[in-house]
């Protein structure tokens, strides 16, 4: 008598669809401002540029519209939405709540080797800042915050954070010309507080770090008024 098939215990393979790939590409271009707020886009043009049919583009457009990054207007041009200050502030509130919880959990279990790992990440970030590699720094910044969630054993929280912070990211990109070094300096202070187990201070530093977006929002809007909702 044969036993149950091992195949019954396997998870279905997760194969990325063309629509997922199109979504990721458009999402990245919107967040990095390659597709600037107010830009008109069409299914046909995107399909041609990416070498795909219109259906996966249509699916990606719908997902982006649900996130608030594309406005689909029947019989009119589809446009990249302008930055909403309210959406940015909502995202900052949610992100702060989740990341503070992750930092608190991380400080309960973090090892000296993991603190060393965070410090090594800061050296790589400094190299990106010194070379004025803004997109690279943005990616390294995200990796730093993700790593804290992973150390806390709540890496799933990053999925929620990533979706929410997308509304902050366009403002972050606009601020990186002058704000990357300041963000890195914040990271250094946070890691130093973590190493010395100064928990309340680490949480206060992270709260201030994530709150920077609210403090510079008015300045960024004044410098890039065309990118923001009236």
N, C-alpha and C. Protein backbone atom coordinates (compact mmCIF):
# COMPACT_ATOMS: atom_id res chain seq x y z
N UNK A 1 0.86 -1.19 0.00
CA UNK A 1 0.00 0.00 0.00
C UNK A 1 0.89 1.25 0.00
N UNK A 2 0.62 2.10 -0.91
CA UNK A 2 1.45 3.30 -1.01
C UNK A 2 0.91 4.40 -0.11
N UNK A 3 1.82 5.24 0.39
CA UNK A 3 1.42 6.34 1.25
C UNK A 3 0.94 7.52 0.42
N UNK A 4 0.53 8.58 1.08
CA UNK A 4 0.06 9.77 0.37
C UNK A 4 1.18 10.39 -0.45
N UNK A 5 0.82 10.96 -1.56
CA UNK A 5 1.82 11.59 -2.44
C UNK A 5 2.43 12.80 -1.76
N UNK A 6 3.76 12.92 -1.90
CA UNK A 6 4.44 14.08 -1.34
C UNK A 6 3.97 15.36 -2.00
N UNK A 7 3.44 15.23 -3.23
CA UNK A 7 2.97 16.42 -3.95
C UNK A 7 1.84 17.11 -3.22
N UNK A 8 1.09 16.36 -2.40
CA UNK A 8 -0.03 16.95 -1.68
C UNK A 8 0.43 18.01 -0.67
N UNK A 9 1.70 17.89 -0.26
CA UNK A 9 2.21 18.82 0.75
C UNK A 9 2.90 20.04 0.16
N UNK A 10 3.04 20.06 -1.16
CA UNK A 10 3.75 21.16 -1.78
C UNK A 10 2.86 22.37 -1.98
N UNK A 11 3.45 23.54 -1.82
CA UNK A 11 2.74 24.78 -2.10
C UNK A 11 2.72 25.01 -3.61
N UNK A 12 1.65 25.60 -4.13
CA UNK A 12 1.64 25.93 -5.56
C UNK A 12 2.76 26.91 -5.89
N UNK A 13 3.37 26.75 -7.03
CA UNK A 13 4.42 27.66 -7.46
C UNK A 13 3.85 29.04 -7.72
N UNK A 14 4.55 30.05 -7.25
CA UNK A 14 4.12 31.43 -7.48
C UNK A 14 4.90 32.00 -8.64
N UNK A 15 4.26 32.07 -9.78
CA UNK A 15 4.91 32.55 -10.98
C UNK A 15 4.41 33.96 -11.26
N UNK A 16 5.34 34.89 -11.38
CA UNK A 16 4.95 36.28 -11.62
C UNK A 16 4.32 36.41 -12.99
N UNK A 17 3.21 37.11 -13.02
CA UNK A 17 2.51 37.32 -14.27
C UNK A 17 3.10 38.53 -15.00
N UNK A 18 2.76 38.64 -16.26
CA UNK A 18 3.18 39.82 -17.03
C UNK A 18 2.59 41.08 -16.41
N UNK A 19 1.34 40.98 -15.93
CA UNK A 19 0.71 42.14 -15.30
C UNK A 19 1.48 42.58 -14.05
N UNK A 20 2.00 41.61 -13.27
CA UNK A 20 2.80 41.95 -12.09
C UNK A 20 4.06 42.71 -12.50
N UNK A 21 4.70 42.23 -13.56
CA UNK A 21 5.93 42.87 -14.04
C UNK A 21 5.65 44.28 -14.53
N UNK A 22 4.55 44.45 -15.28
CA UNK A 22 4.17 45.78 -15.77
C UNK A 22 3.86 46.70 -14.60
N UNK A 23 3.12 46.17 -13.62
CA UNK A 23 2.78 46.97 -12.43
C UNK A 23 4.04 47.44 -11.72
N UNK A 24 4.98 46.51 -11.48
CA UNK A 24 6.21 46.87 -10.77
C UNK A 24 7.00 47.95 -11.51
N UNK A 25 7.07 47.83 -12.83
CA UNK A 25 7.82 48.80 -13.62
C UNK A 25 7.17 50.19 -13.54
N UNK A 26 5.86 50.23 -13.72
CA UNK A 26 5.16 51.53 -13.66
C UNK A 26 5.21 52.10 -12.24
N UNK A 27 5.03 51.24 -11.25
CA UNK A 27 5.05 51.67 -9.85
C UNK A 27 6.39 52.32 -9.52
N UNK A 28 7.49 51.67 -9.94
CA UNK A 28 8.82 52.22 -9.68
C UNK A 28 9.02 53.55 -10.40
N UNK A 29 8.57 53.64 -11.64
CA UNK A 29 8.75 54.89 -12.39
C UNK A 29 7.92 56.02 -11.80
N UNK A 30 6.78 55.70 -11.23
CA UNK A 30 5.95 56.73 -10.59
C UNK A 30 6.62 57.21 -9.30
N UNK A 31 7.09 56.26 -8.48
CA UNK A 31 7.68 56.63 -7.19
C UNK A 31 8.99 57.38 -7.37
N UNK A 32 9.74 57.04 -8.42
CA UNK A 32 11.03 57.71 -8.66
C UNK A 32 10.86 58.97 -9.50
N UNK A 33 9.61 59.30 -9.85
CA UNK A 33 9.27 60.51 -10.60
C UNK A 33 9.75 60.47 -12.04
N UNK A 34 10.16 59.30 -12.53
CA UNK A 34 10.41 59.18 -13.96
C UNK A 34 9.12 59.43 -14.72
N UNK A 35 8.01 58.98 -14.14
CA UNK A 35 6.68 59.38 -14.60
C UNK A 35 6.20 60.43 -13.61
N UNK A 36 6.34 61.67 -13.98
CA UNK A 36 6.07 62.77 -13.05
C UNK A 36 4.58 62.97 -12.85
N UNK A 37 4.19 63.51 -11.69
CA UNK A 37 2.78 63.82 -11.46
C UNK A 37 2.22 64.70 -12.58
N UNK A 38 1.04 64.34 -13.06
CA UNK A 38 0.41 65.09 -14.14
C UNK A 38 0.71 64.54 -15.52
N UNK A 39 1.63 63.57 -15.62
CA UNK A 39 1.98 62.99 -16.92
C UNK A 39 0.82 62.16 -17.47
N UNK A 40 0.53 62.34 -18.75
CA UNK A 40 -0.50 61.53 -19.40
C UNK A 40 0.12 60.20 -19.85
N UNK A 41 -0.61 59.11 -19.64
CA UNK A 41 -0.15 57.79 -20.05
C UNK A 41 -1.30 57.08 -20.77
N UNK A 42 -0.95 56.19 -21.66
CA UNK A 42 -1.97 55.42 -22.37
C UNK A 42 -1.60 53.95 -22.37
N UNK A 43 -2.62 53.10 -22.37
CA UNK A 43 -2.38 51.66 -22.41
C UNK A 43 -1.56 51.29 -23.64
N UNK A 44 -1.91 51.90 -24.77
CA UNK A 44 -1.24 51.54 -26.01
C UNK A 44 0.24 51.90 -25.96
N UNK A 45 0.56 53.10 -25.51
CA UNK A 45 1.96 53.54 -25.47
C UNK A 45 2.78 52.68 -24.51
N UNK A 46 2.21 52.38 -23.34
CA UNK A 46 2.93 51.56 -22.36
C UNK A 46 3.12 50.15 -22.90
N UNK A 47 2.08 49.60 -23.51
CA UNK A 47 2.18 48.25 -24.07
C UNK A 47 3.28 48.17 -25.13
N UNK A 48 3.34 49.18 -25.98
CA UNK A 48 4.38 49.20 -27.01
C UNK A 48 5.76 49.34 -26.39
N UNK A 49 5.89 50.22 -25.41
CA UNK A 49 7.19 50.45 -24.80
C UNK A 49 7.72 49.21 -24.09
N UNK A 50 6.81 48.44 -23.48
CA UNK A 50 7.23 47.26 -22.71
C UNK A 50 7.14 45.98 -23.53
N UNK A 51 6.61 46.06 -24.73
CA UNK A 51 6.53 44.88 -25.58
C UNK A 51 5.53 43.85 -25.10
N UNK A 52 4.39 44.31 -24.58
CA UNK A 52 3.36 43.40 -24.08
C UNK A 52 2.03 43.77 -24.71
N UNK A 53 1.02 42.95 -24.47
CA UNK A 53 -0.33 43.27 -24.95
C UNK A 53 -0.97 44.31 -24.04
N UNK A 54 -2.12 44.79 -24.41
CA UNK A 54 -2.76 45.85 -23.63
C UNK A 54 -3.41 45.33 -22.35
N UNK A 55 -3.78 44.05 -22.31
CA UNK A 55 -4.50 43.54 -21.14
C UNK A 55 -3.69 43.63 -19.85
N UNK A 56 -2.43 43.18 -19.81
CA UNK A 56 -1.67 43.33 -18.56
C UNK A 56 -1.44 44.79 -18.18
N UNK A 57 -1.36 45.66 -19.17
CA UNK A 57 -1.23 47.09 -18.87
C UNK A 57 -2.53 47.60 -18.25
N UNK A 58 -3.65 47.15 -18.80
CA UNK A 58 -4.95 47.56 -18.24
C UNK A 58 -5.07 47.09 -16.79
N UNK A 59 -4.62 45.86 -16.53
CA UNK A 59 -4.66 45.34 -15.15
C UNK A 59 -3.76 46.16 -14.22
N UNK A 60 -2.58 46.50 -14.70
CA UNK A 60 -1.64 47.29 -13.88
C UNK A 60 -2.21 48.69 -13.63
N UNK A 61 -2.81 49.29 -14.65
CA UNK A 61 -3.42 50.61 -14.48
C UNK A 61 -4.49 50.57 -13.38
N UNK A 62 -5.29 49.50 -13.39
CA UNK A 62 -6.36 49.40 -12.39
C UNK A 62 -5.77 49.31 -10.99
N UNK A 63 -4.75 48.48 -10.81
CA UNK A 63 -4.11 48.35 -9.49
C UNK A 63 -3.51 49.68 -9.04
N UNK A 64 -2.88 50.39 -9.94
CA UNK A 64 -2.29 51.69 -9.60
C UNK A 64 -3.36 52.71 -9.27
N UNK A 65 -4.49 52.63 -9.95
CA UNK A 65 -5.60 53.54 -9.64
C UNK A 65 -6.16 53.27 -8.25
N UNK A 66 -6.18 51.99 -7.85
CA UNK A 66 -6.66 51.63 -6.52
C UNK A 66 -5.74 52.15 -5.44
N UNK A 67 -4.46 52.26 -5.75
CA UNK A 67 -3.49 52.80 -4.80
C UNK A 67 -3.45 54.33 -4.82
N UNK A 68 -4.12 54.93 -5.79
CA UNK A 68 -4.18 56.39 -5.86
C UNK A 68 -3.09 57.03 -6.68
N UNK A 69 -2.40 56.26 -7.54
CA UNK A 69 -1.29 56.81 -8.31
C UNK A 69 -1.65 57.11 -9.77
N UNK A 70 -2.76 56.58 -10.24
CA UNK A 70 -3.22 56.84 -11.60
C UNK A 70 -4.70 57.19 -11.55
N UNK A 71 -5.07 58.19 -12.31
CA UNK A 71 -6.48 58.55 -12.44
C UNK A 71 -6.95 58.13 -13.82
N UNK A 72 -7.85 57.15 -13.85
CA UNK A 72 -8.39 56.66 -15.11
C UNK A 72 -9.68 57.42 -15.38
N UNK A 73 -9.71 58.14 -16.48
CA UNK A 73 -10.86 58.97 -16.82
C UNK A 73 -11.43 58.50 -18.16
N UNK A 74 -12.61 57.87 -18.15
CA UNK A 74 -13.20 57.38 -19.39
C UNK A 74 -13.34 58.50 -20.42
N UNK A 75 -12.96 58.17 -21.63
CA UNK A 75 -13.03 59.10 -22.76
C UNK A 75 -12.07 60.28 -22.63
N UNK A 76 -11.20 60.25 -21.63
CA UNK A 76 -10.20 61.30 -21.46
C UNK A 76 -8.87 60.64 -21.15
N UNK A 77 -7.81 61.44 -21.16
CA UNK A 77 -6.47 60.89 -20.93
C UNK A 77 -6.33 60.37 -19.50
N UNK A 78 -5.65 59.25 -19.35
CA UNK A 78 -5.27 58.73 -18.04
C UNK A 78 -4.01 59.47 -17.60
N UNK A 79 -3.98 59.89 -16.34
CA UNK A 79 -2.85 60.71 -15.87
C UNK A 79 -2.28 60.16 -14.57
N UNK A 80 -0.99 60.42 -14.36
CA UNK A 80 -0.36 60.14 -13.07
C UNK A 80 -0.87 61.19 -12.09
N UNK A 81 -1.41 60.75 -10.97
CA UNK A 81 -1.98 61.70 -10.01
C UNK A 81 -0.89 62.57 -9.39
N UNK A 82 -1.30 63.72 -8.95
CA UNK A 82 -0.38 64.61 -8.24
C UNK A 82 -0.28 64.17 -6.78
N UNK A 83 0.75 64.62 -6.12
CA UNK A 83 1.00 64.21 -4.74
C UNK A 83 -0.06 64.81 -3.83
N UNK A 84 -0.64 63.98 -3.00
CA UNK A 84 -1.63 64.42 -2.01
C UNK A 84 -0.96 64.55 -0.65
N UNK A 85 -0.98 65.76 -0.10
CA UNK A 85 -0.38 65.95 1.23
C UNK A 85 -1.09 65.09 2.26
N UNK A 86 -2.42 64.98 2.16
CA UNK A 86 -3.18 64.18 3.13
C UNK A 86 -2.75 62.72 3.07
N UNK A 87 -2.56 62.19 1.85
CA UNK A 87 -2.13 60.79 1.70
C UNK A 87 -0.74 60.58 2.27
N UNK A 88 0.14 61.55 2.08
CA UNK A 88 1.50 61.46 2.62
C UNK A 88 1.47 61.41 4.15
N UNK A 89 0.66 62.25 4.76
CA UNK A 89 0.60 62.31 6.22
C UNK A 89 -0.07 61.07 6.81
N UNK A 90 -1.08 60.55 6.11
CA UNK A 90 -1.69 59.29 6.57
C UNK A 90 -0.68 58.16 6.52
N UNK A 91 0.08 58.11 5.43
CA UNK A 91 1.09 57.06 5.27
C UNK A 91 2.16 57.17 6.35
N UNK A 92 2.56 58.39 6.64
CA UNK A 92 3.58 58.58 7.68
C UNK A 92 3.08 58.10 9.04
N UNK A 93 1.82 58.37 9.36
CA UNK A 93 1.24 57.95 10.64
C UNK A 93 1.25 56.42 10.75
N UNK A 94 0.78 55.74 9.70
CA UNK A 94 0.70 54.28 9.72
C UNK A 94 2.09 53.67 9.76
N UNK A 95 3.00 54.21 8.95
CA UNK A 95 4.36 53.67 8.92
C UNK A 95 5.04 53.82 10.27
N UNK A 96 4.88 54.97 10.90
CA UNK A 96 5.52 55.19 12.20
C UNK A 96 5.01 54.19 13.22
N UNK A 97 3.71 53.98 13.26
CA UNK A 97 3.14 53.04 14.24
C UNK A 97 3.70 51.64 14.06
N UNK A 98 3.78 51.17 12.81
CA UNK A 98 4.27 49.83 12.54
C UNK A 98 5.76 49.70 12.82
N UNK A 99 6.53 50.69 12.39
CA UNK A 99 7.99 50.57 12.56
C UNK A 99 8.42 50.72 14.02
N UNK A 100 7.73 51.53 14.77
CA UNK A 100 8.06 51.64 16.19
C UNK A 100 7.80 50.30 16.88
N UNK A 101 6.70 49.65 16.53
CA UNK A 101 6.40 48.34 17.10
C UNK A 101 7.48 47.33 16.73
N UNK A 102 7.95 47.38 15.47
CA UNK A 102 9.01 46.46 15.04
C UNK A 102 10.33 46.76 15.73
N UNK A 103 10.67 48.04 15.87
CA UNK A 103 11.91 48.39 16.56
C UNK A 103 11.88 47.92 18.01
N UNK A 104 10.74 48.11 18.66
CA UNK A 104 10.61 47.68 20.06
C UNK A 104 10.82 46.16 20.17
N UNK A 105 10.23 45.43 19.24
CA UNK A 105 10.39 43.97 19.26
C UNK A 105 11.82 43.57 18.91
N UNK A 106 12.44 44.29 17.98
CA UNK A 106 13.81 43.97 17.57
C UNK A 106 14.77 44.15 18.75
N UNK A 107 14.57 45.19 19.54
CA UNK A 107 15.49 45.45 20.64
C UNK A 107 15.37 44.42 21.77
N UNK A 108 14.32 43.62 21.74
CA UNK A 108 14.19 42.54 22.71
C UNK A 108 15.09 41.35 22.36
N UNK A 109 15.42 41.21 21.07
CA UNK A 109 16.10 39.99 20.62
C UNK A 109 17.39 40.23 19.85
N UNK A 110 17.71 41.47 19.52
CA UNK A 110 18.84 41.74 18.64
C UNK A 110 20.16 41.31 19.26
N UNK A 111 21.05 40.78 18.43
CA UNK A 111 22.36 40.32 18.88
C UNK A 111 23.43 41.34 18.48
N UNK A 112 24.60 41.31 19.15
CA UNK A 112 25.69 42.21 18.73
C UNK A 112 26.06 42.05 17.26
N UNK A 113 26.01 40.81 16.76
CA UNK A 113 26.34 40.59 15.35
C UNK A 113 25.33 41.27 14.44
N UNK A 114 24.07 41.29 14.83
CA UNK A 114 23.06 41.96 14.01
C UNK A 114 23.21 43.49 14.07
N UNK A 115 23.65 44.01 15.21
CA UNK A 115 23.94 45.45 15.28
C UNK A 115 25.11 45.77 14.36
N UNK A 116 26.12 44.91 14.36
CA UNK A 116 27.25 45.09 13.44
C UNK A 116 26.77 45.10 11.99
N UNK A 117 25.82 44.24 11.69
CA UNK A 117 25.26 44.18 10.34
C UNK A 117 24.58 45.50 9.96
N UNK A 118 23.82 46.06 10.90
CA UNK A 118 23.17 47.35 10.64
C UNK A 118 24.22 48.44 10.41
N UNK A 119 25.28 48.41 11.19
CA UNK A 119 26.34 49.42 11.02
C UNK A 119 27.03 49.26 9.66
N UNK A 120 27.21 48.05 9.21
CA UNK A 120 27.82 47.82 7.90
C UNK A 120 26.90 48.37 6.80
N UNK A 121 25.60 48.26 6.99
CA UNK A 121 24.67 48.82 6.03
C UNK A 121 24.83 50.34 5.94
N UNK A 122 25.17 50.96 7.06
CA UNK A 122 25.36 52.41 7.07
C UNK A 122 26.59 52.81 6.26
N UNK A 123 27.63 51.98 6.27
CA UNK A 123 28.82 52.27 5.47
C UNK A 123 28.48 52.25 3.97
N UNK A 124 27.65 51.31 3.58
CA UNK A 124 27.24 51.22 2.18
C UNK A 124 26.37 52.43 1.81
N UNK A 125 25.51 52.82 2.73
CA UNK A 125 24.68 54.01 2.50
C UNK A 125 25.54 55.25 2.31
N UNK A 126 26.59 55.38 3.14
CA UNK A 126 27.47 56.55 3.03
C UNK A 126 28.13 56.60 1.66
N UNK A 127 28.51 55.45 1.14
CA UNK A 127 29.13 55.42 -0.19
C UNK A 127 28.14 55.92 -1.25
N UNK A 128 26.88 55.54 -1.12
CA UNK A 128 25.87 55.99 -2.08
C UNK A 128 25.64 57.49 -1.96
N UNK A 129 25.62 58.01 -0.73
CA UNK A 129 25.43 59.46 -0.53
C UNK A 129 26.62 60.21 -1.11
N UNK A 130 27.82 59.74 -0.84
CA UNK A 130 29.03 60.42 -1.32
C UNK A 130 29.09 60.45 -2.84
N UNK A 131 28.54 59.41 -3.48
CA UNK A 131 28.54 59.34 -4.95
C UNK A 131 27.29 59.97 -5.56
N UNK A 132 26.43 60.55 -4.70
CA UNK A 132 25.18 61.17 -5.14
C UNK A 132 24.32 60.18 -5.95
N UNK A 133 24.30 58.94 -5.48
CA UNK A 133 23.47 57.91 -6.11
C UNK A 133 22.14 57.84 -5.36
N UNK A 134 21.22 58.70 -5.75
CA UNK A 134 19.99 58.87 -4.97
C UNK A 134 19.10 57.64 -5.00
N UNK A 135 18.92 57.06 -6.17
CA UNK A 135 18.06 55.89 -6.25
C UNK A 135 18.65 54.72 -5.46
N UNK A 136 19.97 54.57 -5.54
CA UNK A 136 20.63 53.52 -4.78
C UNK A 136 20.45 53.76 -3.29
N UNK A 137 20.62 55.00 -2.86
CA UNK A 137 20.44 55.30 -1.43
C UNK A 137 19.01 55.01 -1.01
N UNK A 138 18.04 55.35 -1.84
CA UNK A 138 16.63 55.09 -1.52
C UNK A 138 16.43 53.58 -1.28
N UNK A 139 17.01 52.76 -2.13
CA UNK A 139 16.89 51.31 -1.99
C UNK A 139 17.58 50.81 -0.72
N UNK A 140 18.76 51.38 -0.43
CA UNK A 140 19.49 51.00 0.78
C UNK A 140 18.76 51.45 2.04
N UNK A 141 18.14 52.59 1.96
CA UNK A 141 17.33 53.11 3.07
C UNK A 141 16.21 52.12 3.38
N UNK A 142 15.50 51.69 2.34
CA UNK A 142 14.43 50.71 2.53
C UNK A 142 14.97 49.40 3.13
N UNK A 143 16.14 48.97 2.63
CA UNK A 143 16.72 47.72 3.11
C UNK A 143 17.05 47.80 4.61
N UNK A 144 17.49 48.97 5.06
CA UNK A 144 17.81 49.18 6.47
C UNK A 144 16.55 49.02 7.34
N UNK A 145 15.48 49.67 6.93
CA UNK A 145 14.24 49.59 7.71
C UNK A 145 13.65 48.19 7.66
N UNK A 146 13.73 47.54 6.49
CA UNK A 146 13.28 46.15 6.37
C UNK A 146 14.05 45.24 7.30
N UNK A 147 15.36 45.44 7.40
CA UNK A 147 16.19 44.57 8.23
C UNK A 147 15.77 44.64 9.69
N UNK A 148 15.39 45.82 10.15
CA UNK A 148 14.91 45.94 11.53
C UNK A 148 13.64 45.11 11.72
N UNK A 149 12.75 45.15 10.74
CA UNK A 149 11.53 44.33 10.81
C UNK A 149 11.87 42.85 10.83
N UNK A 150 12.87 42.46 10.03
CA UNK A 150 13.28 41.05 9.98
C UNK A 150 13.89 40.61 11.32
N UNK A 151 14.72 41.45 11.91
CA UNK A 151 15.32 41.12 13.20
C UNK A 151 14.23 40.95 14.25
N UNK A 152 13.19 41.76 14.15
CA UNK A 152 12.06 41.68 15.08
C UNK A 152 11.21 40.44 14.85
N UNK A 153 11.48 39.74 13.72
CA UNK A 153 10.70 38.57 13.31
C UNK A 153 9.28 38.97 12.91
N UNK A 154 9.18 40.17 12.40
CA UNK A 154 7.91 40.67 11.88
C UNK A 154 8.12 41.20 10.46
N UNK A 155 8.88 40.46 9.66
CA UNK A 155 9.16 40.94 8.31
C UNK A 155 7.91 41.10 7.48
N UNK A 156 6.83 40.35 7.80
CA UNK A 156 5.57 40.51 7.08
C UNK A 156 5.02 41.93 7.20
N UNK A 157 5.40 42.62 8.29
CA UNK A 157 4.92 43.99 8.47
C UNK A 157 5.44 44.91 7.38
N UNK A 158 6.60 44.55 6.79
CA UNK A 158 7.16 45.40 5.76
C UNK A 158 6.26 45.48 4.53
N UNK A 159 5.51 44.42 4.25
CA UNK A 159 4.58 44.45 3.13
C UNK A 159 3.55 45.55 3.34
N UNK A 160 3.04 45.66 4.56
CA UNK A 160 2.07 46.72 4.88
C UNK A 160 2.74 48.09 4.84
N UNK A 161 3.94 48.17 5.40
CA UNK A 161 4.67 49.44 5.40
C UNK A 161 4.97 49.89 3.98
N UNK A 162 5.43 48.96 3.14
CA UNK A 162 5.79 49.29 1.76
C UNK A 162 4.61 49.86 1.00
N UNK A 163 3.44 49.25 1.17
CA UNK A 163 2.25 49.73 0.46
C UNK A 163 1.86 51.13 0.93
N UNK A 164 1.99 51.37 2.23
CA UNK A 164 1.60 52.67 2.77
C UNK A 164 2.61 53.76 2.43
N UNK A 165 3.89 53.42 2.53
CA UNK A 165 4.91 54.45 2.36
C UNK A 165 5.05 54.91 0.93
N UNK A 166 4.43 54.21 -0.02
CA UNK A 166 4.54 54.60 -1.42
C UNK A 166 4.14 56.05 -1.62
N UNK A 167 3.15 56.52 -0.85
CA UNK A 167 2.73 57.92 -0.99
C UNK A 167 3.79 58.87 -0.43
N UNK A 168 4.64 58.38 0.47
CA UNK A 168 5.73 59.19 0.98
C UNK A 168 6.91 59.21 0.02
N UNK A 169 7.04 58.15 -0.77
CA UNK A 169 8.27 57.96 -1.53
C UNK A 169 8.50 59.04 -2.59
N UNK A 170 7.43 59.53 -3.21
CA UNK A 170 7.65 60.56 -4.22
C UNK A 170 8.21 61.83 -3.56
N UNK A 171 7.74 62.16 -2.36
CA UNK A 171 8.28 63.31 -1.65
C UNK A 171 9.71 63.01 -1.20
N UNK A 172 9.96 61.76 -0.78
CA UNK A 172 11.32 61.38 -0.38
C UNK A 172 12.30 61.56 -1.53
N UNK A 173 11.89 61.15 -2.73
CA UNK A 173 12.78 61.31 -3.88
C UNK A 173 13.09 62.79 -4.13
N UNK A 174 12.08 63.64 -3.98
CA UNK A 174 12.30 65.07 -4.18
C UNK A 174 13.23 65.64 -3.13
N UNK A 175 13.26 65.02 -1.95
CA UNK A 175 14.07 65.57 -0.85
C UNK A 175 15.49 65.02 -0.82
N UNK A 176 15.78 63.98 -1.62
CA UNK A 176 17.08 63.31 -1.49
C UNK A 176 18.26 64.18 -1.91
N UNK A 177 18.01 65.18 -2.73
CA UNK A 177 19.11 66.06 -3.15
C UNK A 177 19.76 66.71 -1.94
N UNK A 178 18.96 67.04 -0.94
CA UNK A 178 19.51 67.69 0.25
C UNK A 178 19.32 66.87 1.51
N UNK A 179 18.48 65.83 1.45
CA UNK A 179 18.11 65.13 2.67
C UNK A 179 18.72 63.77 2.88
N UNK A 180 19.47 63.24 1.90
CA UNK A 180 20.02 61.90 2.05
C UNK A 180 21.00 61.82 3.22
N UNK A 181 21.89 62.80 3.33
CA UNK A 181 22.87 62.78 4.42
C UNK A 181 22.17 62.89 5.77
N UNK A 182 21.14 63.73 5.84
CA UNK A 182 20.40 63.87 7.10
C UNK A 182 19.73 62.55 7.48
N UNK A 183 19.17 61.83 6.48
CA UNK A 183 18.54 60.54 6.75
C UNK A 183 19.58 59.55 7.25
N UNK A 184 20.75 59.55 6.64
CA UNK A 184 21.82 58.65 7.06
C UNK A 184 22.28 58.98 8.48
N UNK A 185 22.40 60.26 8.78
CA UNK A 185 22.79 60.66 10.14
C UNK A 185 21.77 60.15 11.16
N UNK A 186 20.50 60.20 10.81
CA UNK A 186 19.45 59.66 11.69
C UNK A 186 19.67 58.16 11.91
N UNK A 187 19.96 57.46 10.82
CA UNK A 187 20.20 56.01 10.93
C UNK A 187 21.34 55.72 11.91
N UNK A 188 22.39 56.51 11.83
CA UNK A 188 23.55 56.30 12.72
C UNK A 188 23.14 56.47 14.19
N UNK A 189 22.37 57.49 14.46
CA UNK A 189 21.93 57.73 15.84
C UNK A 189 21.04 56.60 16.34
N UNK A 190 20.17 56.10 15.47
CA UNK A 190 19.27 55.00 15.84
C UNK A 190 20.09 53.75 16.17
N UNK A 191 21.04 53.42 15.31
CA UNK A 191 21.85 52.22 15.54
C UNK A 191 22.68 52.36 16.82
N UNK A 192 23.20 53.55 17.07
CA UNK A 192 23.98 53.76 18.30
C UNK A 192 23.11 53.54 19.54
N UNK A 193 21.87 54.02 19.49
CA UNK A 193 20.95 53.83 20.62
C UNK A 193 20.59 52.36 20.78
N UNK A 194 20.43 51.66 19.66
CA UNK A 194 20.14 50.22 19.72
C UNK A 194 21.31 49.47 20.35
N UNK A 195 22.53 49.79 19.92
CA UNK A 195 23.71 49.08 20.44
C UNK A 195 23.84 49.27 21.95
N UNK A 196 23.50 50.44 22.43
CA UNK A 196 23.65 50.74 23.86
C UNK A 196 22.37 50.45 24.65
N UNK A 197 21.38 49.84 23.96
CA UNK A 197 20.12 49.43 24.59
C UNK A 197 19.38 50.61 25.22
N UNK A 198 19.47 51.76 24.57
CA UNK A 198 18.72 52.93 25.02
C UNK A 198 17.38 52.92 24.27
N UNK A 199 16.44 52.16 24.77
CA UNK A 199 15.23 51.82 24.03
C UNK A 199 14.32 53.03 23.80
N UNK A 200 14.06 53.78 24.84
CA UNK A 200 13.18 54.93 24.68
C UNK A 200 13.78 55.94 23.70
N UNK A 201 15.09 56.12 23.78
CA UNK A 201 15.75 57.07 22.88
C UNK A 201 15.71 56.56 21.44
N UNK A 202 15.91 55.26 21.24
CA UNK A 202 15.86 54.69 19.90
C UNK A 202 14.48 54.92 19.27
N UNK A 203 13.44 54.70 20.06
CA UNK A 203 12.08 54.90 19.55
C UNK A 203 11.83 56.38 19.23
N UNK A 204 12.32 57.27 20.10
CA UNK A 204 12.15 58.71 19.85
C UNK A 204 12.89 59.13 18.58
N UNK A 205 14.08 58.58 18.39
CA UNK A 205 14.87 58.91 17.20
C UNK A 205 14.18 58.42 15.93
N UNK A 206 13.63 57.21 15.97
CA UNK A 206 12.94 56.68 14.79
C UNK A 206 11.68 57.49 14.50
N UNK A 207 10.96 57.86 15.56
CA UNK A 207 9.76 58.69 15.37
C UNK A 207 10.12 60.02 14.71
N UNK A 208 11.20 60.65 15.17
CA UNK A 208 11.64 61.90 14.58
C UNK A 208 12.10 61.70 13.14
N UNK A 209 12.80 60.60 12.90
CA UNK A 209 13.31 60.29 11.57
C UNK A 209 12.16 60.16 10.57
N UNK A 210 11.14 59.40 10.92
CA UNK A 210 10.01 59.19 10.02
C UNK A 210 9.11 60.44 9.95
N UNK A 211 9.20 61.28 10.97
CA UNK A 211 8.42 62.52 10.97
C UNK A 211 9.05 63.63 10.15
N UNK A 212 10.29 63.41 9.70
CA UNK A 212 10.97 64.44 8.90
C UNK A 212 10.16 64.80 7.66
N UNK A 213 9.47 63.81 7.09
CA UNK A 213 8.71 64.04 5.87
C UNK A 213 7.66 65.12 6.08
N UNK A 214 7.04 65.12 7.27
CA UNK A 214 6.02 66.14 7.56
C UNK A 214 6.65 67.51 7.74
N UNK A 215 7.87 67.54 8.30
CA UNK A 215 8.52 68.82 8.56
C UNK A 215 9.01 69.49 7.28
N UNK A 216 9.31 68.69 6.25
CA UNK A 216 9.83 69.28 5.01
C UNK A 216 8.78 69.37 3.91
N UNK A 217 7.56 68.89 4.20
CA UNK A 217 6.55 68.81 3.16
C UNK A 217 6.23 70.18 2.56
N UNK A 218 6.11 71.19 3.42
CA UNK A 218 5.82 72.53 2.92
C UNK A 218 6.91 73.07 2.02
N UNK A 219 8.15 72.84 2.40
CA UNK A 219 9.28 73.31 1.59
C UNK A 219 9.32 72.60 0.24
N UNK A 220 9.11 71.27 0.26
CA UNK A 220 9.13 70.51 -1.00
C UNK A 220 7.99 70.96 -1.90
N UNK A 221 6.85 71.22 -1.32
CA UNK A 221 5.72 71.68 -2.13
C UNK A 221 6.01 73.04 -2.74
N UNK A 222 6.63 73.93 -1.98
CA UNK A 222 6.96 75.25 -2.51
C UNK A 222 7.94 75.16 -3.68
N UNK A 223 8.86 74.18 -3.60
CA UNK A 223 9.87 74.03 -4.65
C UNK A 223 9.34 73.29 -5.88
N UNK A 224 8.28 72.48 -5.69
CA UNK A 224 7.75 71.66 -6.78
C UNK A 224 6.23 71.74 -6.80
N UNK A 225 5.73 72.94 -6.86
CA UNK A 225 4.28 73.16 -6.74
C UNK A 225 3.49 72.39 -7.80
N UNK A 226 4.04 72.25 -8.99
CA UNK A 226 3.31 71.57 -10.08
C UNK A 226 3.09 70.10 -9.80
N UNK A 227 3.83 69.52 -8.87
CA UNK A 227 3.70 68.10 -8.58
C UNK A 227 2.61 67.81 -7.55
N UNK A 228 2.08 68.84 -6.90
CA UNK A 228 1.15 68.64 -5.80
C UNK A 228 -0.27 69.03 -6.18
N UNK A 229 -1.22 68.35 -5.52
CA UNK A 229 -2.62 68.73 -5.67
C UNK A 229 -2.82 70.15 -5.15
N UNK A 230 -3.74 70.86 -5.76
CA UNK A 230 -4.03 72.22 -5.30
C UNK A 230 -4.83 72.15 -4.00
